[in-house]
Every structure is written in structure tokens, then in C-alpha cells.
């Protein structure tokens, strides 16, 4: 599902960042990748912090999740915008351009992602909130198990 989310965003984001923002055109591809990562990392972080209700509300289009203006006030979306703006400045984009791109790009891109999760079309069946939550939970469980094993093995030596 990670590849589906990042792929969906990259397809739309390159055009957005090339034509509709002050992000330099040569940085549009990197900005698109950073947008995909920021959105997925934001969703993943909220799930790992136990905010399943917030993620479910966001991806179902509830709680300010549908439309760009509603997303501007959603705390999850705000966090994603902030993370993305930070990544853009790390790529050498000015702070003003990064904040503008985050404010215009992330709500539009999140709306596309929400549309996929809200869709009943067979082609969108891979975008399932419960699958996303389960995938993140399994990944977190593996990471916790690996950390536990490293600690225990480290204690032996």
C-alpha cells in the first residue's frame, strides 16, 4: 500500500510542484517524493501513536478530511504540511516557497488519497483503512521484536 500511496501522490505532485508553486522546476521530482513520504509518514505516525480514530476520520472524508479548506484545519494534515515544508527547506527551497507549496500541495494531494480510500471502485480496492492500520501495526510489531532481540543479544555479550 505504501507504493500505491506514494505512486499516486508522485504522479500528481510533479505536475503540481512544476506548474503551481514557487518550487524550482528542477526540484519538482524531489518535492513530489518528499510529499509522498510526508503523507505516508504522517499517517503511519498517527496510527503508531494510537490515533486510529483520527486516521479513519481523515481517510473516510470526515473530520475536515474532504476538500482542501477542511484539511487546512485538520491537525493530522497540519502536521503533514509542517513535515513537508521542512523537507522542502532541506532540499534548498526557500522557507516562503516551501510553506506555500505545503499549504497548496498537501491538501490537494491528501484529497486525492482520501478519494481513493473513500472510493468503492474495484480499481481502488487496495486503498483500505483497515489494511493500512494492520500493515503499520505489523511493521511496528516487527520493529519492536527486532529491538527487543537486539537488546537481549546485547545483554548476553
N, C-alpha and C. Protein backbone atom coordinates (compact mmCIF):
# COMPACT_ATOMS: atom_id res chain seq x y z
N UNK A 1 0.83 -1.20 0.00
CA UNK A 1 0.00 0.00 0.00
C UNK A 1 0.87 1.26 0.00
N UNK A 2 2.03 1.19 0.63
CA UNK A 2 2.95 2.33 0.63
C UNK A 2 3.24 2.76 -0.80
N UNK A 3 3.56 1.80 -1.65
CA UNK A 3 3.88 2.12 -3.04
C UNK A 3 2.69 2.75 -3.75
N UNK A 4 1.48 2.28 -3.45
CA UNK A 4 0.28 2.84 -4.07
C UNK A 4 0.08 4.29 -3.65
N UNK A 5 0.25 4.58 -2.37
CA UNK A 5 0.05 5.94 -1.87
C UNK A 5 1.12 6.87 -2.44
N UNK A 6 2.38 6.47 -2.33
CA UNK A 6 3.46 7.31 -2.82
C UNK A 6 3.36 7.47 -4.33
N UNK A 7 3.02 6.40 -5.06
CA UNK A 7 2.87 6.48 -6.51
C UNK A 7 1.76 7.42 -6.93
N UNK A 8 0.62 7.33 -6.26
CA UNK A 8 -0.50 8.23 -6.55
C UNK A 8 -0.08 9.68 -6.36
N UNK A 9 0.58 9.94 -5.27
CA UNK A 9 1.00 11.31 -4.95
C UNK A 9 2.05 11.79 -5.95
N UNK A 10 3.04 10.96 -6.24
CA UNK A 10 4.10 11.38 -7.16
C UNK A 10 3.54 11.74 -8.53
N UNK A 11 2.58 10.93 -9.01
CA UNK A 11 2.00 11.19 -10.32
C UNK A 11 1.39 12.59 -10.38
N UNK A 12 0.69 12.97 -9.34
CA UNK A 12 0.01 14.27 -9.33
C UNK A 12 0.93 15.39 -8.86
N UNK A 13 1.85 15.08 -7.98
CA UNK A 13 2.66 16.12 -7.34
C UNK A 13 3.68 16.75 -8.27
N UNK A 14 4.29 15.97 -9.14
CA UNK A 14 5.29 16.56 -10.04
C UNK A 14 4.66 17.68 -10.84
N UNK A 15 3.49 17.42 -11.39
CA UNK A 15 2.79 18.46 -12.16
C UNK A 15 2.45 19.65 -11.27
N UNK A 16 1.94 19.39 -10.08
CA UNK A 16 1.57 20.47 -9.17
C UNK A 16 2.77 21.34 -8.81
N UNK A 17 3.86 20.72 -8.43
CA UNK A 17 5.02 21.48 -7.98
C UNK A 17 5.76 22.15 -9.14
N UNK A 18 5.58 21.63 -10.34
CA UNK A 18 6.19 22.27 -11.51
C UNK A 18 5.41 23.50 -11.94
N UNK A 19 4.10 23.40 -11.92
CA UNK A 19 3.26 24.44 -12.53
C UNK A 19 2.57 25.39 -11.56
N UNK A 20 2.39 24.99 -10.31
CA UNK A 20 1.53 25.78 -9.43
C UNK A 20 2.19 26.31 -8.17
N UNK A 21 3.49 26.20 -8.06
CA UNK A 21 4.17 26.69 -6.86
C UNK A 21 5.47 27.39 -7.24
N UNK A 22 6.11 27.95 -6.24
CA UNK A 22 7.41 28.59 -6.43
C UNK A 22 8.57 27.62 -6.22
N UNK A 23 8.26 26.33 -6.13
CA UNK A 23 9.32 25.33 -6.04
C UNK A 23 10.03 25.31 -7.39
N UNK A 24 11.36 25.43 -7.39
CA UNK A 24 12.08 25.40 -8.68
C UNK A 24 11.76 24.11 -9.44
N UNK A 25 11.56 24.23 -10.75
CA UNK A 25 11.17 23.08 -11.56
C UNK A 25 12.14 21.91 -11.43
N UNK A 26 13.42 22.19 -11.27
CA UNK A 26 14.38 21.09 -11.14
C UNK A 26 14.24 20.34 -9.81
N UNK A 27 13.51 20.91 -8.87
CA UNK A 27 13.27 20.26 -7.58
C UNK A 27 11.90 19.58 -7.52
N UNK A 28 11.09 19.66 -8.60
CA UNK A 28 9.72 19.14 -8.58
C UNK A 28 9.67 17.65 -8.29
N UNK A 29 10.55 16.88 -8.87
CA UNK A 29 10.58 15.44 -8.63
C UNK A 29 10.90 15.11 -7.18
N UNK A 30 11.90 15.79 -6.64
CA UNK A 30 12.26 15.58 -5.23
C UNK A 30 11.13 16.05 -4.31
N UNK A 31 10.48 17.15 -4.68
CA UNK A 31 9.36 17.64 -3.88
C UNK A 31 8.21 16.65 -3.90
N UNK A 32 7.96 16.05 -5.05
CA UNK A 32 6.89 15.05 -5.16
C UNK A 32 7.19 13.84 -4.28
N UNK A 33 8.43 13.38 -4.31
CA UNK A 33 8.83 12.25 -3.46
C UNK A 33 8.68 12.62 -1.99
N UNK A 34 9.12 13.82 -1.62
CA UNK A 34 9.01 14.27 -0.23
C UNK A 34 7.55 14.39 0.19
N UNK A 35 6.67 14.81 -0.71
CA UNK A 35 5.25 14.90 -0.40
C UNK A 35 4.67 13.53 -0.11
N UNK A 36 4.99 12.55 -0.95
CA UNK A 36 4.52 11.19 -0.73
C UNK A 36 5.00 10.62 0.59
N UNK A 37 6.27 10.82 0.88
CA UNK A 37 6.84 10.33 2.13
C UNK A 37 6.21 11.04 3.33
N UNK A 38 6.01 12.35 3.20
CA UNK A 38 5.43 13.11 4.31
C UNK A 38 4.02 12.65 4.63
N UNK A 39 3.24 12.42 3.58
CA UNK A 39 1.86 11.97 3.79
C UNK A 39 1.86 10.58 4.42
N UNK A 40 2.61 9.65 3.86
CA UNK A 40 2.62 8.30 4.41
C UNK A 40 3.17 8.29 5.82
N UNK A 41 4.28 9.01 6.04
CA UNK A 41 4.88 9.05 7.39
C UNK A 41 3.92 9.68 8.40
N UNK A 42 3.18 10.70 7.96
CA UNK A 42 2.20 11.33 8.85
C UNK A 42 1.08 10.38 9.24
N UNK A 43 0.56 9.65 8.26
CA UNK A 43 -0.49 8.67 8.53
C UNK A 43 0.04 7.56 9.44
N UNK A 44 1.23 7.07 9.10
CA UNK A 44 1.85 5.99 9.88
C UNK A 44 2.11 6.43 11.32
N UNK A 45 2.63 7.64 11.48
CA UNK A 45 2.91 8.14 12.83
C UNK A 45 1.66 8.25 13.68
N UNK A 46 0.58 8.71 13.09
CA UNK A 46 -0.68 8.82 13.83
C UNK A 46 -1.20 7.45 14.24
N UNK A 47 -1.08 6.47 13.34
CA UNK A 47 -1.52 5.11 13.67
C UNK A 47 -0.66 4.55 14.80
N UNK A 48 0.66 4.74 14.70
CA UNK A 48 1.56 4.22 15.73
C UNK A 48 1.34 4.89 17.08
N UNK A 49 0.85 6.14 17.05
CA UNK A 49 0.55 6.84 18.30
C UNK A 49 -0.85 6.53 18.81
N UNK A 50 -1.55 5.64 18.13
CA UNK A 50 -2.86 5.22 18.59
C UNK A 50 -4.02 6.08 18.12
N UNK A 51 -3.77 6.99 17.20
CA UNK A 51 -4.85 7.85 16.71
C UNK A 51 -5.57 7.21 15.52
N UNK A 52 -6.03 5.99 15.73
CA UNK A 52 -6.73 5.26 14.68
C UNK A 52 -8.02 5.97 14.30
N UNK A 53 -8.72 6.50 15.29
CA UNK A 53 -9.97 7.22 15.03
C UNK A 53 -9.72 8.44 14.14
N UNK A 54 -8.66 9.18 14.42
CA UNK A 54 -8.33 10.35 13.62
C UNK A 54 -7.99 9.98 12.19
N UNK A 55 -7.23 8.91 12.00
CA UNK A 55 -6.87 8.45 10.66
C UNK A 55 -8.10 7.95 9.92
N UNK A 56 -8.92 7.18 10.61
CA UNK A 56 -10.15 6.67 9.99
C UNK A 56 -11.05 7.83 9.58
N UNK A 57 -11.19 8.83 10.45
CA UNK A 57 -12.00 10.00 10.11
C UNK A 57 -11.43 10.76 8.94
N UNK A 58 -10.13 10.96 8.93
CA UNK A 58 -9.48 11.70 7.85
C UNK A 58 -9.66 10.97 6.52
N UNK A 59 -9.33 9.69 6.48
CA UNK A 59 -9.35 8.95 5.22
C UNK A 59 -10.75 8.62 4.74
N UNK A 60 -11.74 8.71 5.62
CA UNK A 60 -13.12 8.49 5.18
C UNK A 60 -13.75 9.78 4.71
N UNK A 61 -13.04 10.90 4.86
CA UNK A 61 -13.58 12.18 4.44
C UNK A 61 -14.28 12.92 5.56
N UNK A 62 -14.33 12.34 6.74
CA UNK A 62 -14.96 13.00 7.89
C UNK A 62 -13.91 13.87 8.59
N UNK A 63 -14.30 14.60 9.55
CA UNK A 63 -13.41 15.43 10.40
C UNK A 63 -12.49 16.34 9.60
N UNK A 64 -13.09 17.07 8.68
CA UNK A 64 -12.26 18.00 7.89
C UNK A 64 -11.42 17.32 6.85
N UNK A 65 -11.75 16.08 6.55
CA UNK A 65 -10.93 15.33 5.63
C UNK A 65 -11.25 15.49 4.17
N UNK A 66 -12.35 16.12 3.82
CA UNK A 66 -12.66 16.25 2.40
C UNK A 66 -12.55 17.71 1.98
N UNK A 67 -11.87 17.92 0.90
CA UNK A 67 -11.71 19.28 0.40
C UNK A 67 -10.52 19.96 1.03
N UNK A 68 -9.87 20.82 0.26
CA UNK A 68 -8.66 21.49 0.71
C UNK A 68 -8.86 22.37 1.91
N UNK A 69 -9.96 23.14 1.96
CA UNK A 69 -10.15 24.07 3.08
C UNK A 69 -10.38 23.34 4.39
N UNK A 70 -11.09 22.22 4.36
CA UNK A 70 -11.29 21.42 5.58
C UNK A 70 -10.00 20.82 6.07
N UNK A 71 -9.14 20.45 5.15
CA UNK A 71 -7.87 19.85 5.53
C UNK A 71 -6.92 20.86 6.17
N UNK A 72 -7.06 22.12 5.82
CA UNK A 72 -6.19 23.15 6.39
C UNK A 72 -6.35 23.23 7.91
N UNK A 73 -7.49 22.80 8.43
CA UNK A 73 -7.75 22.86 9.86
C UNK A 73 -7.60 21.51 10.55
N UNK A 74 -7.34 20.46 9.80
CA UNK A 74 -7.20 19.14 10.38
C UNK A 74 -5.82 19.01 11.00
N UNK A 75 -5.72 18.62 12.27
CA UNK A 75 -4.41 18.54 12.93
C UNK A 75 -3.45 17.54 12.28
N UNK A 76 -3.97 16.46 11.74
CA UNK A 76 -3.10 15.49 11.07
C UNK A 76 -2.53 16.12 9.81
N UNK A 77 -3.39 16.77 9.02
CA UNK A 77 -2.95 17.41 7.79
C UNK A 77 -1.96 18.54 8.10
N UNK A 78 -2.21 19.29 9.16
CA UNK A 78 -1.28 20.36 9.54
C UNK A 78 0.10 19.79 9.85
N UNK A 79 0.14 18.67 10.54
CA UNK A 79 1.42 18.03 10.85
C UNK A 79 2.14 17.58 9.59
N UNK A 80 1.38 17.04 8.64
CA UNK A 80 1.97 16.60 7.38
C UNK A 80 2.51 17.80 6.61
N UNK A 81 1.74 18.91 6.59
CA UNK A 81 2.19 20.11 5.90
C UNK A 81 3.49 20.64 6.51
N UNK A 82 3.56 20.65 7.82
CA UNK A 82 4.75 21.13 8.51
C UNK A 82 5.96 20.25 8.19
N UNK A 83 5.77 18.94 8.23
CA UNK A 83 6.84 18.00 7.92
C UNK A 83 7.32 18.19 6.49
N UNK A 84 6.38 18.34 5.56
CA UNK A 84 6.72 18.51 4.16
C UNK A 84 7.47 19.82 3.93
N UNK A 85 7.01 20.90 4.54
CA UNK A 85 7.70 22.19 4.40
C UNK A 85 9.14 22.08 4.89
N UNK A 86 9.35 21.35 5.99
CA UNK A 86 10.70 21.13 6.49
C UNK A 86 11.56 20.35 5.52
N UNK A 87 10.97 19.34 4.88
CA UNK A 87 11.73 18.57 3.89
C UNK A 87 12.10 19.44 2.69
N UNK A 88 11.17 20.30 2.28
CA UNK A 88 11.47 21.17 1.14
C UNK A 88 12.60 22.14 1.46
N UNK A 89 12.58 22.71 2.65
CA UNK A 89 13.67 23.63 3.00
C UNK A 89 14.99 22.87 3.05
N UNK A 90 14.94 21.61 3.44
CA UNK A 90 16.13 20.77 3.43
C UNK A 90 16.65 20.51 2.02
N UNK A 91 15.78 20.65 1.03
CA UNK A 91 16.18 20.49 -0.37
C UNK A 91 16.70 21.80 -0.96
N UNK A 92 16.72 22.85 -0.14
CA UNK A 92 17.21 24.13 -0.62
C UNK A 92 16.13 25.08 -1.11
N UNK A 93 14.87 24.74 -0.89
CA UNK A 93 13.76 25.61 -1.28
C UNK A 93 13.59 26.64 -0.17
N UNK A 94 13.33 27.90 -0.55
CA UNK A 94 13.17 28.95 0.46
C UNK A 94 11.99 28.62 1.38
N UNK A 95 12.06 29.14 2.58
CA UNK A 95 11.01 28.89 3.57
C UNK A 95 9.64 29.34 3.08
N UNK A 96 9.57 30.53 2.46
CA UNK A 96 8.29 31.02 1.95
C UNK A 96 7.74 30.11 0.86
N UNK A 97 8.59 29.70 -0.07
CA UNK A 97 8.15 28.80 -1.15
C UNK A 97 7.74 27.44 -0.59
N UNK A 98 8.49 26.94 0.39
CA UNK A 98 8.17 25.64 1.00
C UNK A 98 6.83 25.69 1.71
N UNK A 99 6.61 26.75 2.48
CA UNK A 99 5.32 26.88 3.19
C UNK A 99 4.16 27.04 2.21
N UNK A 100 4.36 27.79 1.14
CA UNK A 100 3.33 27.95 0.12
C UNK A 100 3.02 26.64 -0.58
N UNK A 101 4.07 25.91 -0.92
CA UNK A 101 3.88 24.62 -1.59
C UNK A 101 3.17 23.62 -0.66
N UNK A 102 3.53 23.64 0.61
CA UNK A 102 2.88 22.75 1.57
C UNK A 102 1.41 23.11 1.73
N UNK A 103 1.11 24.40 1.82
CA UNK A 103 -0.27 24.84 2.01
C UNK A 103 -1.15 24.58 0.80
N UNK A 104 -0.57 24.61 -0.38
CA UNK A 104 -1.38 24.36 -1.58
C UNK A 104 -1.33 22.90 -2.00
N UNK A 105 -0.16 22.29 -1.86
CA UNK A 105 0.02 20.94 -2.37
C UNK A 105 -0.51 19.83 -1.49
N UNK A 106 -0.22 19.88 -0.22
CA UNK A 106 -0.61 18.77 0.66
C UNK A 106 -2.13 18.60 0.74
N UNK A 107 -2.92 19.67 0.93
CA UNK A 107 -4.38 19.45 0.93
C UNK A 107 -4.90 18.85 -0.39
N UNK A 108 -4.36 19.31 -1.51
CA UNK A 108 -4.80 18.77 -2.81
C UNK A 108 -4.41 17.30 -2.93
N UNK A 109 -3.19 16.97 -2.53
CA UNK A 109 -2.73 15.60 -2.63
C UNK A 109 -3.44 14.69 -1.63
N UNK A 110 -3.65 15.19 -0.42
CA UNK A 110 -4.39 14.41 0.57
C UNK A 110 -5.82 14.16 0.09
N UNK A 111 -6.42 15.14 -0.56
CA UNK A 111 -7.78 14.95 -1.09
C UNK A 111 -7.81 13.81 -2.09
N UNK A 112 -6.77 13.68 -2.90
CA UNK A 112 -6.69 12.57 -3.85
C UNK A 112 -6.58 11.23 -3.12
N UNK A 113 -5.74 11.20 -2.09
CA UNK A 113 -5.59 9.98 -1.30
C UNK A 113 -6.91 9.63 -0.61
N UNK A 114 -7.55 10.62 -0.02
CA UNK A 114 -8.84 10.40 0.65
C UNK A 114 -9.87 9.88 -0.35
N UNK A 115 -9.85 10.44 -1.57
CA UNK A 115 -10.76 9.96 -2.60
C UNK A 115 -10.58 8.49 -2.90
N UNK A 116 -9.34 8.03 -2.91
CA UNK A 116 -9.07 6.61 -3.15
C UNK A 116 -9.57 5.74 -1.99
N UNK A 117 -9.32 6.20 -0.76
CA UNK A 117 -9.76 5.43 0.40
C UNK A 117 -11.29 5.43 0.54
N UNK A 118 -11.94 6.47 0.05
CA UNK A 118 -13.40 6.60 0.14
C UNK A 118 -14.11 5.93 -1.04
N UNK A 119 -13.37 5.59 -2.06
CA UNK A 119 -13.95 5.07 -3.30
C UNK A 119 -14.43 3.63 -3.13
N UNK A 120 -15.49 3.31 -3.83
CA UNK A 120 -15.96 1.92 -3.87
C UNK A 120 -15.62 1.27 -5.21
N UNK A 121 -14.87 1.96 -6.04
CA UNK A 121 -14.48 1.42 -7.34
C UNK A 121 -13.54 0.22 -7.15
N UNK A 122 -13.72 -0.83 -7.93
CA UNK A 122 -12.84 -2.00 -7.81
C UNK A 122 -11.36 -1.66 -7.98
N UNK A 123 -11.06 -0.68 -8.82
CA UNK A 123 -9.65 -0.31 -9.04
C UNK A 123 -9.02 0.34 -7.81
N UNK A 124 -9.85 0.79 -6.88
CA UNK A 124 -9.34 1.43 -5.66
C UNK A 124 -9.42 0.52 -4.44
N UNK A 125 -9.68 -0.76 -4.66
CA UNK A 125 -9.86 -1.68 -3.54
C UNK A 125 -8.61 -1.84 -2.69
N UNK A 126 -7.44 -1.54 -3.25
CA UNK A 126 -6.20 -1.64 -2.47
C UNK A 126 -6.04 -0.55 -1.43
N UNK A 127 -6.86 0.50 -1.53
CA UNK A 127 -6.81 1.60 -0.57
C UNK A 127 -7.85 1.34 0.51
N UNK A 128 -7.43 0.65 1.55
CA UNK A 128 -8.34 0.25 2.63
C UNK A 128 -7.74 0.69 3.96
N UNK A 129 -8.53 1.45 4.73
CA UNK A 129 -8.05 1.99 6.00
C UNK A 129 -7.63 0.86 6.94
N UNK A 130 -8.44 -0.18 7.04
CA UNK A 130 -8.12 -1.28 7.95
C UNK A 130 -6.82 -1.98 7.55
N UNK A 131 -6.60 -2.12 6.24
CA UNK A 131 -5.35 -2.73 5.77
C UNK A 131 -4.16 -1.86 6.11
N UNK A 132 -4.32 -0.54 5.94
CA UNK A 132 -3.24 0.39 6.28
C UNK A 132 -2.90 0.29 7.77
N UNK A 133 -3.92 0.30 8.61
CA UNK A 133 -3.72 0.21 10.05
C UNK A 133 -3.05 -1.12 10.41
N UNK A 134 -3.52 -2.19 9.81
CA UNK A 134 -2.95 -3.51 10.07
C UNK A 134 -1.49 -3.58 9.62
N UNK A 135 -1.20 -3.04 8.42
CA UNK A 135 0.16 -3.07 7.89
C UNK A 135 1.11 -2.30 8.81
N UNK A 136 0.70 -1.12 9.24
CA UNK A 136 1.54 -0.31 10.13
C UNK A 136 1.73 -1.03 11.46
N UNK A 137 0.66 -1.63 11.98
CA UNK A 137 0.75 -2.36 13.24
C UNK A 137 1.70 -3.54 13.15
N UNK A 138 1.63 -4.28 12.04
CA UNK A 138 2.54 -5.41 11.84
C UNK A 138 3.98 -4.94 11.74
N UNK A 139 4.19 -3.84 11.01
CA UNK A 139 5.55 -3.29 10.88
C UNK A 139 6.08 -2.86 12.24
N UNK A 140 5.23 -2.20 13.01
CA UNK A 140 5.64 -1.76 14.34
C UNK A 140 5.97 -2.95 15.23
N UNK A 141 5.15 -4.00 15.14
CA UNK A 141 5.40 -5.20 15.92
C UNK A 141 6.73 -5.84 15.57
N UNK A 142 7.06 -5.89 14.28
CA UNK A 142 8.35 -6.45 13.84
C UNK A 142 9.49 -5.60 14.36
N UNK A 143 9.35 -4.29 14.30
CA UNK A 143 10.40 -3.40 14.79
C UNK A 143 10.60 -3.56 16.28
N UNK A 144 9.50 -3.68 17.01
CA UNK A 144 9.60 -3.86 18.47
C UNK A 144 10.28 -5.19 18.79
N UNK A 145 9.93 -6.25 18.06
CA UNK A 145 10.54 -7.56 18.27
C UNK A 145 12.03 -7.51 17.95
N UNK A 146 12.39 -6.84 16.85
CA UNK A 146 13.80 -6.73 16.48
C UNK A 146 14.58 -5.95 17.53
N UNK A 147 14.02 -4.86 18.03
CA UNK A 147 14.68 -4.07 19.07
C UNK A 147 14.85 -4.89 20.35
N UNK A 148 13.83 -5.65 20.70
CA UNK A 148 13.88 -6.49 21.89
C UNK A 148 14.99 -7.54 21.73
N UNK A 149 15.05 -8.16 20.54
CA UNK A 149 16.07 -9.20 20.30
C UNK A 149 17.47 -8.60 20.36
N UNK A 150 17.65 -7.42 19.75
CA UNK A 150 18.97 -6.76 19.80
C UNK A 150 19.39 -6.47 21.22
N UNK A 151 18.45 -5.98 22.01
CA UNK A 151 18.77 -5.65 23.40
C UNK A 151 19.16 -6.92 24.17
N UNK A 152 18.38 -7.96 24.00
CA UNK A 152 18.66 -9.20 24.72
C UNK A 152 19.99 -9.80 24.27
N UNK A 153 20.26 -9.78 22.97
CA UNK A 153 21.53 -10.31 22.49
C UNK A 153 22.69 -9.44 22.98
N UNK A 154 22.47 -8.15 23.01
CA UNK A 154 23.49 -7.24 23.52
C UNK A 154 23.79 -7.48 24.98
N UNK A 155 22.74 -7.82 25.75
CA UNK A 155 22.93 -8.09 27.18
C UNK A 155 23.75 -9.36 27.41
N UNK A 156 23.75 -10.27 26.43
CA UNK A 156 24.49 -11.53 26.59
C UNK A 156 25.98 -11.35 26.38
N UNK A 157 26.36 -10.30 25.66
CA UNK A 157 27.79 -10.13 25.33
C UNK A 157 28.40 -8.99 26.06
